[in-house]
Protein backbone atom coordinates (compact mmCIF):
# COMPACT_ATOMS: atom_id res chain seq x y z
CA MET A 1 -39.32 15.06 37.24
CA ARG A 2 -39.00 11.60 38.69
CA PHE A 3 -36.00 10.09 41.05
CA LEU A 4 -36.30 6.31 42.07
CA ARG A 5 -33.27 4.28 43.66
CA ARG A 6 -33.07 1.38 45.01
CA GLY A 7 -30.51 -0.91 47.17
CA GLY A 8 -28.90 -4.32 45.95
CA GLY A 9 -25.81 -5.58 44.78
CA GLU A 10 -24.97 -6.52 40.48
CA SER A 11 -26.34 -9.51 38.41
CA GLU A 12 -24.04 -12.06 37.38
CA GLN A 13 -24.64 -11.41 33.86
CA PRO A 14 -22.35 -9.48 31.89
CA ILE A 15 -23.17 -6.25 31.79
CA GLU A 16 -22.81 -6.50 27.83
CA GLN A 17 -25.95 -8.55 27.64
CA ARG A 18 -27.46 -6.19 30.66
CA VAL A 19 -26.76 -2.53 28.52
CA ASP A 20 -28.03 -4.34 25.26
CA ALA A 21 -31.36 -5.73 26.84
CA PHE A 22 -31.88 -2.22 28.58
CA TRP A 23 -32.04 -1.10 25.23
CA THR A 24 -33.56 -3.43 23.36
CA TRP A 25 -36.78 -2.61 25.74
CA TRP A 26 -35.99 0.95 25.37
CA ALA A 27 -36.55 0.85 21.99
CA GLY A 28 -39.99 -0.55 22.27
CA VAL A 29 -41.43 1.94 25.27
CA ARG A 30 -39.48 5.03 24.57
CA ASP A 31 -42.55 6.93 22.07
CA GLY A 32 -45.00 6.02 24.32
CA LEU A 33 -42.93 7.29 27.54
CA ALA A 34 -42.86 10.52 25.72
CA ALA A 35 -46.39 10.68 25.30
CA ASP A 36 -46.71 9.98 29.22
CA ILE A 37 -44.66 12.53 30.42
CA GLU A 38 -46.96 14.88 28.48
CA ALA A 39 -50.04 13.56 29.89
CA GLY A 40 -48.91 13.37 33.31
CA THR A 41 -49.54 9.54 33.79
CA VAL A 42 -45.60 8.51 34.18
CA PRO A 43 -46.47 7.75 37.57
CA ALA A 44 -48.09 4.55 36.37
CA ARG A 45 -44.93 3.56 34.71
CA THR A 46 -42.04 4.05 37.62
CA GLY A 47 -42.65 0.26 38.86
CA GLU A 48 -41.44 -1.00 34.86
CA ILE A 49 -38.77 1.74 34.21
CA SER A 50 -37.41 0.91 38.34
CA GLU A 51 -37.31 -2.52 37.01
CA GLU A 52 -35.04 -2.40 34.24
CA VAL A 53 -32.86 0.05 35.61
CA HIS A 54 -32.19 -2.26 38.42
CA ARG A 55 -31.60 -4.99 35.53
CA LEU A 56 -28.49 -3.11 34.58
CA HIS A 57 -27.56 -2.79 38.70
CA ALA A 58 -29.81 -2.65 41.63
CA LYS A 59 -27.87 0.66 43.13
CA LEU A 60 -28.51 2.65 40.15
CA ALA A 61 -31.05 5.51 40.27
CA TRP A 62 -32.88 7.26 37.36
CA GLU A 63 -34.45 10.68 36.57
CA LEU A 64 -36.24 12.20 33.40
CA GLY A 65 -36.40 15.44 33.14
CA PRO A 66 -36.30 18.34 30.33
CA GLY A 67 -32.89 17.63 28.35
CA THR A 68 -30.66 20.31 26.85
CA SER A 69 -30.87 19.82 23.06
CA ALA A 70 -34.00 17.43 23.06
CA ARG A 71 -37.65 17.37 24.63
CA HIS A 72 -36.64 15.16 27.22
CA ALA A 73 -33.94 13.63 28.69
CA PHE A 74 -33.27 10.43 30.74
CA ASN A 75 -30.31 10.47 33.16
CA MET A 76 -28.90 7.48 35.09
CA SER A 77 -27.01 8.03 37.92
CA ALA A 78 -24.35 6.01 39.85
CA GLU A 79 -24.87 8.15 43.08
CA GLY A 80 -21.03 9.04 43.69
CA ASN A 81 -20.54 4.86 44.12
CA PRO A 82 -17.09 4.31 42.24
CA GLU A 83 -17.80 0.77 41.09
CA VAL A 84 -21.33 1.09 39.88
CA ARG A 85 -19.83 4.24 38.27
CA PRO A 86 -18.85 2.57 34.91
CA VAL A 87 -22.24 0.95 34.43
CA ALA A 88 -23.79 4.34 34.12
CA LEU A 89 -21.13 5.12 31.89
CA ARG A 90 -21.63 1.85 29.68
CA TRP A 91 -24.98 2.43 29.47
CA ALA A 92 -24.88 6.05 27.80
CA ALA A 93 -22.39 4.73 25.50
CA ALA A 94 -24.52 2.20 24.30
CA ALA A 95 -26.91 5.20 23.86
CA PRO A 96 -28.93 5.50 20.44
CA ALA A 97 -28.45 8.67 19.13
CA PRO A 98 -29.94 12.18 20.63
CA ASP A 99 -32.54 12.84 18.84
CA ALA A 100 -35.65 16.04 18.87
CA LYS A 101 -37.16 13.59 21.49
CA TRP A 102 -34.93 12.17 23.86
CA GLU A 103 -31.14 12.08 25.13
CA TYR A 104 -29.27 10.44 27.49
CA HIS A 105 -27.11 10.95 30.40
CA PRO A 106 -24.94 8.86 32.76
CA SER A 107 -25.68 11.63 35.90
CA ARG A 108 -28.10 14.60 36.94
CA GLN A 109 -27.80 16.98 35.03
CA PRO A 110 -28.20 21.33 35.89
CA GLY A 111 -31.63 22.99 34.68
CA ARG A 112 -33.91 25.72 35.60
CA PRO A 113 -33.97 26.51 39.18
CA GLN A 114 -36.53 23.85 41.02
CA VAL A 115 -38.76 24.36 44.23
CA LEU A 116 -38.84 21.86 46.18
CA GLU A 117 -41.68 21.01 48.30
CA ILE A 118 -40.00 18.27 51.05
CA ARG A 119 -41.40 18.12 54.71
CA GLY A 120 -44.17 19.99 54.39
CA THR A 121 -41.80 23.53 53.27
CA ARG A 122 -41.17 24.86 50.37
CA VAL A 123 -37.64 25.65 48.76
CA SER A 124 -36.77 27.38 46.29
CA PHE A 125 -33.50 27.12 44.93
CA SER A 126 -33.32 30.50 43.57
CA GLU A 127 -33.54 31.68 47.34
CA VAL A 128 -30.45 29.79 47.85
CA ARG A 129 -27.02 32.02 49.35
CA ALA A 130 -23.48 30.72 49.48
CA VAL A 131 -20.31 31.44 51.20
CA THR A 132 -17.37 29.42 49.63
CA LYS A 133 -14.05 28.99 50.15
CA TRP A 134 -11.22 27.91 47.12
CA ASP A 135 -8.87 24.55 48.55
CA GLU A 136 -5.55 25.14 45.98
CA ALA A 137 -4.22 21.71 47.17
CA ARG A 138 -7.54 19.90 46.26
CA GLU A 139 -8.59 21.85 43.20
CA GLN A 140 -11.87 22.09 45.42
CA LEU A 141 -14.92 24.73 46.51
CA ASP A 142 -15.84 23.96 49.70
CA VAL A 143 -19.49 25.12 50.00
CA GLY A 144 -21.69 26.64 52.52
CA LEU A 145 -25.26 27.30 51.81
CA TRP A 146 -28.13 29.14 53.13
CA HIS A 147 -31.61 29.42 52.88
CA PRO A 148 -34.97 30.71 54.83
CA ALA A 149 -36.60 27.29 55.16
CA PHE A 150 -33.12 26.02 56.92
CA ASP A 151 -33.34 27.14 60.31
CA GLY A 152 -35.43 24.36 62.17
CA LEU A 153 -34.72 22.15 59.28
CA PRO A 154 -33.28 18.81 60.63
CA THR A 155 -29.24 18.44 59.28
CA GLU A 156 -30.06 15.53 57.33
CA VAL A 157 -32.74 17.43 55.43
CA LYS A 158 -30.56 20.58 54.86
CA ALA A 159 -27.68 18.10 53.60
CA GLN A 160 -30.10 16.54 51.19
CA ILE A 161 -31.42 19.96 49.66
CA SER A 162 -27.46 21.25 49.63
CA PHE A 163 -27.26 18.69 47.24
CA LEU A 164 -29.95 18.72 45.35
CA PHE A 165 -29.46 21.97 44.62
CA LEU A 166 -25.56 21.75 43.58
CA ASP A 167 -26.73 19.13 41.29
CA ASN A 168 -29.41 21.22 40.18
CA LEU A 169 -26.97 24.07 39.60
CA VAL A 170 -24.09 22.23 37.65
CA GLY A 171 -24.81 18.70 37.73
CA GLU A 172 -23.71 15.94 39.06
CA ASP A 173 -20.58 15.49 37.74
CA ASP A 174 -19.05 18.64 38.50
CA VAL A 175 -20.46 18.53 42.39
CA GLU A 176 -18.10 15.79 42.42
CA ARG A 177 -15.03 16.86 40.61
CA TRP A 178 -15.15 20.33 42.19
CA VAL A 179 -17.08 20.78 45.19
CA GLY A 180 -15.26 19.53 48.60
CA ALA A 181 -17.02 20.22 51.50
CA ILE A 182 -20.87 21.07 51.67
CA GLU A 183 -22.38 22.36 54.64
CA ALA A 184 -25.67 24.72 56.06
CA ASP A 185 -24.07 27.95 57.64
CA PRO A 186 -26.16 30.58 58.45
CA GLU A 187 -23.51 33.26 57.66
CA ALA A 188 -24.27 32.91 53.71
CA GLU A 189 -27.53 34.75 53.45
CA ALA A 190 -25.60 37.65 52.64
CA GLY A 191 -23.46 35.44 50.51
CA ARG A 192 -23.74 34.46 46.44
CA THR A 193 -26.90 33.54 44.61
CA ARG A 194 -27.16 30.92 42.99
CA ASP A 195 -26.10 32.19 39.25
CA GLU A 196 -22.80 34.18 41.01
CA LEU A 197 -21.88 30.29 42.77
CA ARG A 198 -22.55 29.14 39.38
CA ASP A 199 -19.56 31.40 38.09
CA GLU A 200 -17.21 30.56 40.93
CA ILE A 201 -17.27 27.30 39.90
CA ARG A 202 -17.12 27.51 36.73
CA GLN A 203 -14.13 29.87 37.05
CA ARG A 204 -12.51 27.67 39.29
CA ALA A 205 -12.61 24.59 37.00
CA GLU A 206 -11.33 26.11 34.15
CA SER A 207 -7.75 27.35 36.31
CA ALA A 208 -7.64 24.12 37.73
CA LYS A 209 -4.13 22.34 36.62
CA GLY A 210 -5.47 18.82 37.42
CA GLU A 211 -2.03 18.06 39.28
CA SER A 212 -1.23 19.23 42.59
CA TRP A 213 1.44 17.53 44.34
CA ALA A 214 1.87 17.62 48.39
CA LEU A 215 4.85 16.68 50.44
CA ILE A 216 3.94 15.71 54.11
CA GLU A 217 6.69 14.81 56.70
CA GLY A 218 5.46 12.40 59.40
CA ARG A 219 6.35 9.49 62.10
CA ASP A 220 5.07 6.16 61.32
CA GLN A 221 3.51 3.49 63.99
CA HIS A 222 7.13 2.99 65.37
CA ASP A 223 7.67 7.15 65.42
CA ASP A 224 10.29 6.82 62.58
CA PRO A 225 10.35 9.36 60.14
CA VAL A 226 7.85 9.13 56.96
CA LEU A 227 7.93 11.32 53.74
CA VAL A 228 4.78 11.35 51.72
CA ALA A 229 4.46 12.87 48.53
CA PHE A 230 1.05 12.73 47.09
CA ASN A 231 -1.56 14.04 44.12
CA SER A 232 -3.99 15.87 46.35
CA SER A 233 -5.90 17.19 43.22
CA LEU A 234 -5.87 13.24 41.50
CA LYS A 235 -10.13 12.54 41.58
CA ARG A 236 -11.81 9.21 41.44
CA ILE A 237 -14.49 10.69 38.87
CA ASP A 238 -11.77 11.35 36.76
CA HIS A 239 -10.75 8.06 36.47
CA PRO A 240 -13.80 5.92 36.43
CA TYR A 241 -12.69 2.57 35.37
CA ALA A 242 -9.15 2.59 37.51
CA GLY A 243 -10.57 0.58 40.22
CA GLU A 244 -7.28 -1.71 40.35
CA HIS A 245 -4.17 -0.70 42.89
CA LEU A 246 -0.93 -0.69 41.56
CA GLU A 247 1.80 -0.90 44.28
CA VAL A 248 5.55 -0.82 43.40
CA THR A 249 7.95 -1.26 46.17
CA ILE A 250 11.71 -0.78 46.71
CA GLU A 251 13.63 -1.86 49.83
CA ARG A 252 15.44 1.66 49.72
CA GLY A 253 14.35 4.10 52.39
CA LEU A 254 15.48 7.32 54.17
CA ASP A 255 18.39 5.36 55.63
CA GLU A 256 19.52 4.11 52.34
CA ALA A 257 18.23 6.07 49.32
CA ALA A 258 21.04 8.71 49.61
CA ALA A 259 23.86 7.02 48.06
CA ASP A 260 21.31 5.94 45.51
CA ASN A 261 19.24 9.01 45.02
CA GLU A 262 20.24 9.68 41.47
CA ALA A 263 19.82 6.24 40.11
CA ILE A 264 16.86 6.04 42.43
CA ARG A 265 14.91 9.02 40.14
CA GLU A 266 16.59 7.97 37.26
CA ALA A 267 14.67 4.10 37.39
CA GLU A 268 11.54 5.78 38.24
CA THR A 269 11.38 7.94 35.05
CA GLN A 270 11.82 4.73 33.20
CA LEU A 271 8.66 3.53 35.20
CA GLY A 272 6.83 6.42 34.52
CA GLY A 273 7.36 5.81 30.80
CA MET A 274 6.35 1.79 30.41
CA LEU A 275 3.25 2.94 33.17
CA GLU A 276 2.17 5.25 30.65
CA GLY A 277 -1.26 4.98 29.03
CA LEU A 278 -1.94 1.82 31.65
CA ALA A 279 -1.44 3.77 35.45
CA VAL A 280 -1.60 7.01 37.02
CA GLU A 281 0.65 8.18 39.67
CA ALA A 282 -0.97 8.66 42.94
CA ALA A 283 1.87 8.80 45.45
CA HIS A 284 4.60 7.38 46.88
CA VAL A 285 5.41 6.74 50.59
CA THR A 286 9.01 6.50 51.99
CA ASP A 287 9.47 4.94 55.33
CA ARG A 288 12.85 4.92 56.66
CA ARG A 289 13.18 1.04 54.93
CA ARG A 290 11.24 1.07 51.88
CA ARG A 291 9.96 3.39 49.30
CA VAL A 292 6.43 2.51 47.63
CA THR A 293 4.57 3.98 44.60
CA HIS A 294 1.19 4.42 43.90
CA TYR A 295 -0.35 4.22 41.05
CA VAL A 296 -4.10 3.92 39.94
CA THR A 297 -4.79 1.46 36.58
CA ALA A 298 -7.57 0.20 35.24
CA GLU A 299 -5.69 -2.15 33.15
CA GLY A 300 -4.13 -3.87 36.51
CA GLU A 301 -2.71 -7.17 34.33
CA ARG A 302 -0.98 -5.40 31.86
CA ALA A 303 0.52 -2.58 34.51
CA LEU A 304 1.54 -5.17 36.85
CA ALA A 305 3.45 -6.99 34.27
CA ALA A 306 5.07 -3.79 32.93
CA ALA A 307 6.01 -3.18 36.55
CA ARG A 308 7.31 -6.55 37.30
CA GLU A 309 9.47 -5.94 34.24
CA TRP A 310 11.03 -3.15 35.53
CA ALA A 311 11.35 -4.63 39.05
CA SER A 312 13.53 -7.50 37.52
CA ARG A 313 16.12 -4.92 36.41
CA HIS A 314 16.75 -3.84 40.15
CA ARG A 315 16.74 -6.64 42.02
CA GLU A 316 20.00 -5.21 43.87
CA TRP A 317 16.39 -2.95 45.55
CA GLY A 318 14.34 -5.63 46.13
CA ALA A 319 11.48 -4.11 43.40
CA LYS A 320 8.60 -6.02 43.83
CA ALA A 321 5.08 -5.13 42.64
CA SER A 322 1.39 -6.34 42.93
CA VAL A 323 -1.61 -5.41 41.90
CA GLU A 324 -5.08 -5.74 43.66
CA PRO A 325 -8.97 -4.81 43.31
CA ASP A 326 -9.51 -0.91 44.96
CA PRO A 327 -12.55 0.92 43.60
CA THR A 328 -12.90 3.40 46.26
CA TRP A 329 -9.30 3.74 45.86
CA SER A 330 -9.23 3.21 49.75
CA PHE A 331 -5.24 2.69 49.43
CA ARG A 332 -5.11 6.69 49.97
CA LYS A 333 -6.37 6.72 53.28
CA SER A 334 -2.93 5.06 54.65
CA TYR A 335 -1.29 8.14 53.99
CA GLY A 336 -3.64 10.75 54.65
CA GLY A 337 -4.45 11.33 50.54
């Protein structure tokens, strides 16, 4: 299996043209590349493949490996970068139909246990053991891993092995979706086997609700009270195109809200209906003077138009709305989400 990456930016050419160009190139090389895999001569082609992949986006990585149904798989990966992930998804959406020879995926896929050779050390994934702790609020599993080769390895190498092990176990997407903190832990030596860890991740995924609201009472920079409610299980990977942040504000905070509480709740329910299918509510933050509701959206202009229409009906509260690009959802740092 071969995996390559390269840093850089995104081409100015429209994504549709870049995707079309890739699949045009692919049509002419796919059979020869399959033959190279069988002959063990793929390394001579890696420069060509990387060049075509990086024309899509220079931060994309690629991997060739065995397929699930087809003999071979071409896997593209954004490596956890939410700004690059939509490119991988558009690439996969435009892919040819899978056949007996090739299938295509926009992320690394799970597979049979591997054996790595890293810094002169042999690491068999079958020998990894794990301890876990389920975070109910985030709906993610914190994982501690142990391998007999970990002793003496640098921290960054153990981290690299851990991520590769988990990607191989359940696939890159499910690692991002269901696995939280990852660390090397000597106490995991007597822990779960590879198969037991995989089964637990799957069971946790099946029982997750996808919506877990947390309520936090805190203080702002003026030591005034702040009430924060946020969906702690809202995951970026589940909304890959939602790269914009919609903010709706009313000038009714903790000092004034009590008198208008019922009216505000009714109005916010109406706003939610107007934004249904356009935006997903992430949080609302109420301080003494105002209440700010945060949404993520892939339809910034339409969501903003709907929110401004709603705001125009509630001028008595000083209602207003704004939208801005935020592909990494950095707005959540403002309230600890």
